[in-house]
């Protein structure tokens, strides 16, 4: 179920097409996380919103899927990810659940999320389950749905996964459908490599400073799949074997989201 305005759209987890939509969302989650990671580094925000969907329940769900009143699918904002768990703040007010409310924090394994989406200039990326529901609506209902969100979801048969650079260095809206842009580097990673090399020469501590979880800059960039940035950090002397407080190495984080190019760079060290 996703909710826009006061209307409720039922989410049947026993529906094979819905199951596939959820699976596709989980398989492509790395592109969501890469964009969120870049957003955290931007001086001027570029994302209209970024959220993930997961199931909530007052207790153990009954047999029959998530279309029964025991379970609601709702969106989390302020999303964080540590290579295993997705966490965030509940954006929705439940329709019938009593144990959760908007503003509550939640933490779920990546395998339990059912969708993700983010927006750039009003254009939506991701939204696999939302677009499946939209594909089953008539034109008028779809327009009403999109107007309630205030966003352009586009053609429900074509899922936009990640932005791509244009010739002027800006971002266009990349259409990838079922094909994932595995070989594509985020344009900001490539464009900022030279600037990063200069910053590292001026402040080598950038290579070793850690946050409260024990994460270095290399850990963060490995999880985000930024190959050009990871290469620059390694060339400057970043430690590929450094471990976070819970024992994660950059290589483990890169592999957790299937960033093969980044994993190869780290494994070579």
Protein backbone atom coordinates (compact mmCIF):
# COMPACT_ATOMS: atom_id res chain seq x y z
CA UNK A 1 0.00 0.00 0.00
CA UNK A 2 1.19 3.49 -0.72
CA UNK A 3 -0.73 6.52 0.38
CA UNK A 4 -1.17 9.89 -1.27
CA UNK A 5 -3.48 12.46 0.27
CA UNK A 6 -6.16 10.52 2.18
CA UNK A 7 -6.65 7.76 -0.36
CA UNK A 8 -5.36 4.29 0.40
CA UNK A 9 -3.96 1.99 -2.31
CA UNK A 10 -3.88 -1.66 -1.32
CA UNK A 11 -0.60 -3.54 -1.64
CA UNK A 12 -1.03 -7.30 -2.23
CA UNK A 13 2.25 -9.03 -1.47
CA UNK A 14 0.90 -12.29 -2.95
CA UNK A 15 0.63 -10.63 -6.36
CA UNK A 16 3.54 -11.98 -8.51
CA UNK A 17 3.94 -8.64 -10.26
CA UNK A 18 4.11 -6.84 -6.92
CA UNK A 19 6.62 -9.34 -5.62
CA UNK A 20 8.76 -8.71 -8.69
CA UNK A 21 8.48 -4.94 -8.23
CA UNK A 22 9.72 -5.26 -4.64
CA UNK A 23 12.56 -7.50 -5.75
CA UNK A 24 13.57 -5.01 -8.45
CA UNK A 25 13.54 -2.19 -5.89
CA UNK A 26 15.84 -4.10 -3.55
CA UNK A 27 18.17 -5.09 -6.40
CA UNK A 28 18.57 -1.46 -7.47
CA UNK A 29 18.71 0.08 -3.99
CA UNK A 30 22.40 0.88 -4.52
CA UNK A 31 21.48 3.66 -6.94
CA UNK A 32 19.19 5.20 -4.36
CA UNK A 33 21.92 5.06 -1.74
CA UNK A 34 24.53 6.49 -4.11
CA UNK A 35 22.34 9.53 -4.77
CA UNK A 36 21.53 10.01 -1.09
CA UNK A 37 25.25 9.85 -0.30
CA UNK A 38 25.99 12.59 -2.80
CA UNK A 39 23.14 14.67 -1.44
CA UNK A 40 24.85 14.68 1.95
CA UNK A 41 27.93 16.23 0.37
CA UNK A 42 26.13 18.91 -1.62
CA UNK A 43 26.18 22.48 -0.39
CA UNK A 44 22.95 23.19 -2.26
CA UNK A 45 20.43 20.30 -1.98
CA UNK A 46 19.34 18.71 -5.26
CA UNK A 47 16.80 16.13 -4.07
CA UNK A 48 13.16 17.03 -3.53
CA UNK A 49 12.78 13.97 -1.34
CA UNK A 50 14.30 10.53 -0.75
CA UNK A 51 12.44 7.72 1.00
CA UNK A 52 12.11 3.96 1.28
CA UNK A 53 9.00 1.86 1.84
CA UNK A 54 8.73 -1.01 4.31
CA UNK A 55 6.04 -2.95 6.18
CA UNK A 56 4.79 -2.12 9.67
CA UNK A 57 2.58 -4.25 11.87
CA UNK A 58 1.06 -4.19 15.36
CA UNK A 59 1.99 -7.85 15.70
CA UNK A 60 2.75 -10.92 13.65
CA UNK A 61 0.99 -10.62 10.25
CA UNK A 62 -1.71 -13.12 9.46
CA UNK A 63 -1.41 -15.47 6.51
CA UNK A 64 -2.59 -14.01 3.24
CA UNK A 65 -0.12 -11.22 2.50
CA UNK A 66 0.16 -7.54 3.27
CA UNK A 67 -3.30 -6.62 2.05
CA UNK A 68 -4.83 -7.52 5.43
CA UNK A 69 -5.36 -4.82 8.10
CA UNK A 70 -2.55 -6.26 10.25
CA UNK A 71 0.11 -4.69 8.00
CA UNK A 72 0.66 -1.29 6.42
CA UNK A 73 3.35 -0.38 3.91
CA UNK A 74 4.68 3.08 4.76
CA UNK A 75 7.51 5.40 3.82
CA UNK A 76 10.65 6.30 5.78
CA UNK A 77 12.51 9.58 5.29
CA UNK A 78 15.90 10.78 6.61
CA UNK A 79 17.21 7.45 5.36
CA UNK A 80 20.50 5.96 6.53
CA UNK A 81 22.15 2.68 5.54
CA UNK A 82 25.08 0.84 7.15
CA UNK A 83 25.58 -1.96 4.64
CA UNK A 84 23.02 -4.19 6.37
CA UNK A 85 20.17 -2.16 7.82
CA UNK A 86 18.07 0.68 6.42
CA UNK A 87 16.87 3.16 9.00
CA UNK A 88 14.77 6.30 8.92
CA UNK A 89 11.84 8.29 10.25
CA UNK A 90 8.25 7.28 9.51
CA UNK A 91 6.63 9.81 7.19
CA UNK A 92 3.10 8.39 7.14
CA UNK A 93 0.37 8.50 9.73
CA UNK A 94 -0.98 4.93 9.88
CA UNK A 95 -4.56 4.28 8.82
CA UNK A 96 -5.20 1.50 11.30
CA UNK A 97 -2.00 0.51 13.16
CA UNK A 98 -1.76 1.61 16.79
CA UNK A 99 1.86 0.77 17.65
CA UNK A 100 3.54 3.30 15.35
CA UNK A 101 3.01 6.93 14.37
CA UNK A 102 4.50 9.51 12.03
CA UNK A 103 7.87 10.64 13.37
CA UNK A 104 8.82 7.26 14.85
CA UNK A 105 12.22 5.85 13.92
CA UNK A 106 12.52 2.42 12.35
CA UNK A 107 15.32 0.06 11.33
CA UNK A 108 14.93 -2.81 8.87
CA UNK A 109 17.25 -5.25 7.06
CA UNK A 110 17.72 -4.26 3.43
CA UNK A 111 15.90 -7.43 2.39
CA UNK A 112 12.69 -6.18 4.03
CA UNK A 113 12.27 -2.93 2.13
CA UNK A 114 9.65 -2.99 -0.62
CA UNK A 115 10.45 0.18 -2.58
CA UNK A 116 12.50 3.34 -2.78
CA UNK A 117 12.24 6.63 -4.61
CA UNK A 118 13.83 10.03 -4.81
CA UNK A 119 12.99 13.17 -6.74
CA UNK A 120 15.06 15.69 -8.68
CA UNK A 121 13.30 18.85 -9.92
CA UNK A 122 9.95 17.13 -9.47
CA UNK A 123 10.97 14.04 -11.49
CA UNK A 124 10.72 10.69 -9.68
CA UNK A 125 13.34 7.95 -9.77
CA UNK A 126 12.56 4.43 -8.54
CA UNK A 127 9.01 3.97 -7.19
CA UNK A 128 8.67 0.41 -8.51
CA UNK A 129 5.56 -0.56 -6.55
CA UNK A 130 4.02 2.88 -7.01
CA UNK A 131 4.42 2.64 -10.77
CA UNK A 132 2.95 -0.85 -10.81
CA UNK A 133 -0.13 0.51 -9.06
CA UNK A 134 -0.19 3.48 -11.45
CA UNK A 135 -0.05 1.13 -14.43
CA UNK A 136 -3.33 -0.38 -13.25
CA UNK A 137 -5.10 2.97 -12.93
CA UNK A 138 -7.13 4.77 -15.54
CA UNK A 139 -5.75 8.04 -16.86
CA UNK A 140 -7.91 10.22 -14.60
CA UNK A 141 -7.08 8.23 -11.46
CA UNK A 142 -3.37 8.31 -12.33
CA UNK A 143 -3.49 12.08 -12.78
CA UNK A 144 -5.26 12.43 -9.44
CA UNK A 145 -2.65 10.22 -7.77
CA UNK A 146 0.28 12.19 -9.23
CA UNK A 147 -1.30 15.53 -8.37
CA UNK A 148 -1.68 14.42 -4.75
CA UNK A 149 2.03 13.66 -4.60
CA UNK A 150 2.93 16.82 -6.53
CA UNK A 151 5.51 14.87 -8.52
CA UNK A 152 6.04 13.62 -12.06
CA UNK A 153 6.25 9.82 -11.97
CA UNK A 154 6.39 9.58 -15.76
CA UNK A 155 5.54 6.49 -17.78
CA UNK A 156 4.74 3.69 -15.29
CA UNK A 157 6.32 1.14 -17.65
CA UNK A 158 9.71 2.90 -17.57
CA UNK A 159 11.48 3.11 -14.24
CA UNK A 160 14.02 5.90 -13.97
CA UNK A 161 16.88 4.62 -11.84
CA UNK A 162 19.64 7.23 -11.94
CA UNK A 163 20.44 10.57 -13.50
CA UNK A 164 22.99 10.72 -16.29
CA UNK A 165 25.28 13.59 -17.33
CA UNK A 166 24.58 15.75 -20.34
CA UNK A 167 27.21 17.34 -22.57
CA UNK A 168 27.21 20.49 -20.50
CA UNK A 169 28.11 18.65 -17.31
CA UNK A 170 24.65 18.90 -15.76
CA UNK A 171 22.19 16.09 -15.10
CA UNK A 172 19.60 14.65 -17.41
CA UNK A 173 16.97 12.15 -16.40
CA UNK A 174 18.26 8.71 -17.34
CA UNK A 175 15.84 6.04 -18.44
CA UNK A 176 17.08 2.56 -17.69
CA UNK A 177 13.95 0.43 -17.35
CA UNK A 178 14.93 -3.15 -16.50
CA UNK A 179 18.55 -2.53 -17.51
CA UNK A 180 20.67 -1.34 -14.60
CA UNK A 181 23.50 1.14 -15.31
CA UNK A 182 26.12 -1.05 -13.64
CA UNK A 183 29.04 0.42 -15.57
CA UNK A 184 27.99 4.05 -15.14
CA UNK A 185 29.93 6.22 -12.75
CA UNK A 186 28.05 8.98 -10.99
CA UNK A 187 28.96 12.22 -12.82
CA UNK A 188 29.91 13.97 -9.58
CA UNK A 189 32.47 11.28 -8.74
CA UNK A 190 34.31 11.77 -12.01
CA UNK A 191 33.96 15.56 -12.08
CA UNK A 192 35.29 16.05 -8.55
CA UNK A 193 38.28 13.68 -8.69
CA UNK A 194 40.79 16.45 -9.46
CA UNK A 195 39.41 18.67 -6.70
CA UNK A 196 39.56 15.78 -4.24
CA UNK A 197 43.22 15.08 -5.05
CA UNK A 198 44.03 18.70 -4.26
CA UNK A 199 42.08 18.58 -1.00
CA UNK A 200 43.87 15.42 0.10
CA UNK A 201 47.26 17.02 -0.49
CA UNK A 202 46.25 20.02 1.59
CA UNK A 203 44.61 17.94 4.33
CA UNK A 204 45.84 14.31 4.51
CA UNK A 205 43.77 13.77 7.68
CA UNK A 206 40.77 13.32 5.38
CA UNK A 207 42.12 9.80 4.77
CA UNK A 208 42.05 8.72 8.41
CA UNK A 209 39.40 10.73 10.23
CA UNK A 210 36.43 8.62 11.37
CA UNK A 211 32.87 9.29 12.42
CA UNK A 212 31.17 7.95 15.55
CA UNK A 213 30.72 4.56 13.84
CA UNK A 214 34.38 4.26 12.91
CA UNK A 215 33.71 4.96 9.24
CA UNK A 216 36.39 6.61 7.13
CA UNK A 217 35.75 8.54 3.93
CA UNK A 218 36.78 5.38 2.05
CA UNK A 219 34.08 3.33 3.83
CA UNK A 220 31.44 5.86 2.84
CA UNK A 221 32.51 6.05 -0.80
CA UNK A 222 32.85 2.28 -1.13
CA UNK A 223 29.26 1.79 0.01
CA UNK A 224 28.12 4.55 -2.34
CA UNK A 225 29.84 2.88 -5.30
CA UNK A 226 31.91 5.89 -6.36
CA UNK A 227 34.76 4.18 -8.21
CA UNK A 228 36.59 7.36 -9.26
CA UNK A 229 36.53 8.66 -5.69
CA UNK A 230 37.64 5.33 -4.24
CA UNK A 231 40.51 5.17 -6.73
CA UNK A 232 41.62 8.67 -5.75
CA UNK A 233 41.49 7.85 -2.04
CA UNK A 234 43.49 4.65 -2.49
CA UNK A 235 46.13 6.41 -4.57
CA UNK A 236 46.46 9.00 -1.79
CA UNK A 237 47.08 6.29 0.81
CA UNK A 238 43.69 5.43 2.28
CA UNK A 239 43.74 2.12 4.17
CA UNK A 240 41.59 -0.46 2.35
CA UNK A 241 41.72 -2.77 5.37
CA UNK A 242 40.41 -0.26 7.90
CA UNK A 243 37.46 -1.65 9.85
CA UNK A 244 34.47 0.16 11.30
CA UNK A 245 33.51 -0.30 14.96
CA UNK A 246 31.34 -3.27 13.95
CA UNK A 247 34.07 -4.80 11.78
CA UNK A 248 33.09 -3.77 8.25
CA UNK A 249 35.84 -3.11 5.71
CA UNK A 250 35.43 -0.95 2.59
CA UNK A 251 35.53 -4.11 0.47
CA UNK A 252 32.70 -5.72 2.45
CA UNK A 253 30.61 -2.57 2.10
CA UNK A 254 31.17 -2.37 -1.66
CA UNK A 255 30.19 -6.02 -2.06
CA UNK A 256 27.08 -5.58 0.11
CA UNK A 257 25.49 -3.54 -2.69
CA UNK A 258 27.14 -5.27 -5.62
CA UNK A 259 29.53 -2.48 -6.66
CA UNK A 260 31.81 -4.76 -8.67
CA UNK A 261 34.14 -2.05 -10.04
CA UNK A 262 34.72 -0.60 -6.58
CA UNK A 263 35.20 -4.06 -5.08
CA UNK A 264 37.83 -4.85 -7.72
CA UNK A 265 39.75 -1.67 -6.90
CA UNK A 266 39.74 -2.51 -3.19
CA UNK A 267 40.55 -6.20 -3.66
CA UNK A 268 43.58 -5.27 -5.77
CA UNK A 269 45.00 -3.45 -2.74
